[in-house]
Amino acid sequence: MNYILFFPVIAETVDELGQATQTVIDYSRQVFCDKKAIPQSEFFAGGQQGIKPAICLIVGKFDYQNETTVKFEGIVYSIYRKYETHDETIELYGEVRSGAH
């Protein structure tokens, strides 16, 4: 794997009503990854759902812990789809959303 991405470190707090909230502290958990071209079919399917695919990153199955965002090359992406492959890796499909941490 030729690139490095950063997963968020999240702090969970409980308010006086007992409601848990999660806050991204920073993007400091480094994971090796590969970058893959987004297939045309992904653009088509995403467009039907109002999603604008921006990136596909491949990480090891055991490195991914159901994060919803990832930082790659200084840009924060929202993960909208994941696909587990047969070779112990997961493809993460991301889009840039306004308001993403």
Protein backbone atom coordinates (compact mmCIF):
# COMPACT_ATOMS: atom_id res chain seq x y z
CA MET A 1 0.00 0.00 0.00
CA ASN A 2 1.48 3.26 -1.18
CA TYR A 3 -0.44 6.02 0.61
CA ILE A 4 -1.32 7.03 4.15
CA LEU A 5 -4.76 8.14 5.27
CA PHE A 6 -5.90 9.39 8.66
CA PHE A 7 -8.91 8.11 10.53
CA PRO A 8 -10.47 10.32 13.23
CA VAL A 9 -9.87 9.96 16.93
CA ILE A 10 -13.28 10.38 18.55
CA ALA A 11 -14.16 11.38 22.10
CA GLU A 12 -17.53 10.39 23.50
CA THR A 13 -19.13 12.52 26.18
CA VAL A 14 -22.36 12.13 28.12
CA ASP A 15 -24.37 15.21 29.05
CA GLU A 16 -26.49 15.72 32.17
CA LEU A 17 -29.46 14.06 30.46
CA GLY A 18 -27.44 10.93 29.76
CA GLN A 19 -27.23 11.53 26.01
CA ALA A 20 -23.98 10.47 24.40
CA THR A 21 -22.37 12.71 21.80
CA GLN A 22 -19.29 12.02 19.74
CA THR A 23 -16.75 14.67 18.83
CA VAL A 24 -13.83 14.33 16.44
CA ILE A 25 -10.69 15.35 18.31
CA ASP A 26 -8.33 15.10 15.37
CA TYR A 27 -7.33 12.89 12.46
CA SER A 28 -4.26 11.18 13.86
CA ARG A 29 -4.76 7.42 13.42
CA GLN A 30 -2.54 6.63 10.44
CA VAL A 31 -3.33 3.69 8.17
CA PHE A 32 -1.63 2.57 4.97
CA CYS A 33 -3.93 2.53 1.95
CA ASP A 34 -4.12 2.40 -1.81
CA LYS A 35 -6.09 4.70 -4.09
CA LYS A 36 -8.30 3.37 -6.87
CA ALA A 37 -10.11 5.01 -9.77
CA ILE A 38 -13.85 5.32 -9.25
CA PRO A 39 -15.79 3.22 -11.77
CA GLN A 40 -18.25 4.97 -14.07
CA SER A 41 -21.06 2.86 -12.62
CA GLU A 42 -20.35 4.38 -9.19
CA PHE A 43 -20.80 7.89 -10.57
CA PHE A 44 -24.08 6.84 -12.17
CA ALA A 45 -25.43 5.11 -9.04
CA GLY A 46 -24.23 7.93 -6.79
CA GLY A 47 -25.82 10.58 -9.00
CA GLN A 48 -29.19 8.88 -8.65
CA GLN A 49 -28.91 9.23 -4.87
CA GLY A 50 -27.52 12.77 -4.83
CA ILE A 51 -23.99 11.60 -4.00
CA LYS A 52 -20.89 12.92 -5.76
CA PRO A 53 -18.21 10.21 -5.53
CA ALA A 54 -14.80 11.78 -5.04
CA ILE A 55 -12.43 9.00 -3.96
CA CYS A 56 -12.02 5.27 -3.48
CA LEU A 57 -9.46 4.18 -0.88
CA ILE A 58 -8.48 0.60 -0.12
CA VAL A 59 -7.53 -0.31 3.45
CA GLY A 60 -6.90 -3.51 5.33
CA LYS A 61 -10.01 -5.15 6.74
CA PHE A 62 -8.71 -4.98 10.30
CA ASP A 63 -7.65 -1.33 10.03
CA TYR A 64 -11.20 -0.11 9.40
CA GLN A 65 -13.39 0.37 12.47
CA ASN A 66 -16.60 1.70 10.89
CA GLU A 67 -15.43 5.29 10.77
CA THR A 68 -17.70 7.65 8.88
CA THR A 69 -15.01 10.12 7.81
CA VAL A 70 -11.41 9.92 6.64
CA LYS A 71 -8.71 12.49 5.90
CA PHE A 72 -6.59 11.89 2.81
CA GLU A 73 -4.05 14.32 1.36
CA GLY A 74 -5.43 17.12 3.55
CA ILE A 75 -9.08 16.67 2.54
CA VAL A 76 -11.80 15.22 4.78
CA TYR A 77 -14.11 12.79 3.02
CA SER A 78 -17.40 11.42 4.24
CA ILE A 79 -17.57 7.66 3.70
CA TYR A 80 -20.87 6.83 2.04
CA ARG A 81 -20.20 3.23 1.03
CA LYS A 82 -17.83 0.42 1.87
CA TYR A 83 -17.19 -2.81 -0.02
CA GLU A 84 -15.37 -5.76 1.50
CA THR A 85 -13.26 -7.61 -1.06
CA HIS A 86 -12.14 -11.22 -1.07
CA ASP A 87 -8.52 -10.41 -0.19
CA GLU A 88 -8.92 -8.99 3.36
CA THR A 89 -9.32 -5.40 2.19
CA ILE A 90 -12.16 -2.90 2.18
CA GLU A 91 -12.87 -0.29 -0.47
CA LEU A 92 -14.05 2.98 1.06
CA TYR A 93 -16.00 5.31 -1.23
CA GLY A 94 -16.02 8.93 -0.14
CA GLU A 95 -17.45 12.26 -1.06
CA VAL A 96 -16.62 15.77 0.07
CA ARG A 97 -19.46 17.22 2.13
CA SER A 98 -19.72 20.70 3.49
CA GLY A 99 -19.68 20.59 7.27
CA ALA A 100 -17.61 17.40 7.49
CA HIS A 101 -15.14 17.55 10.35
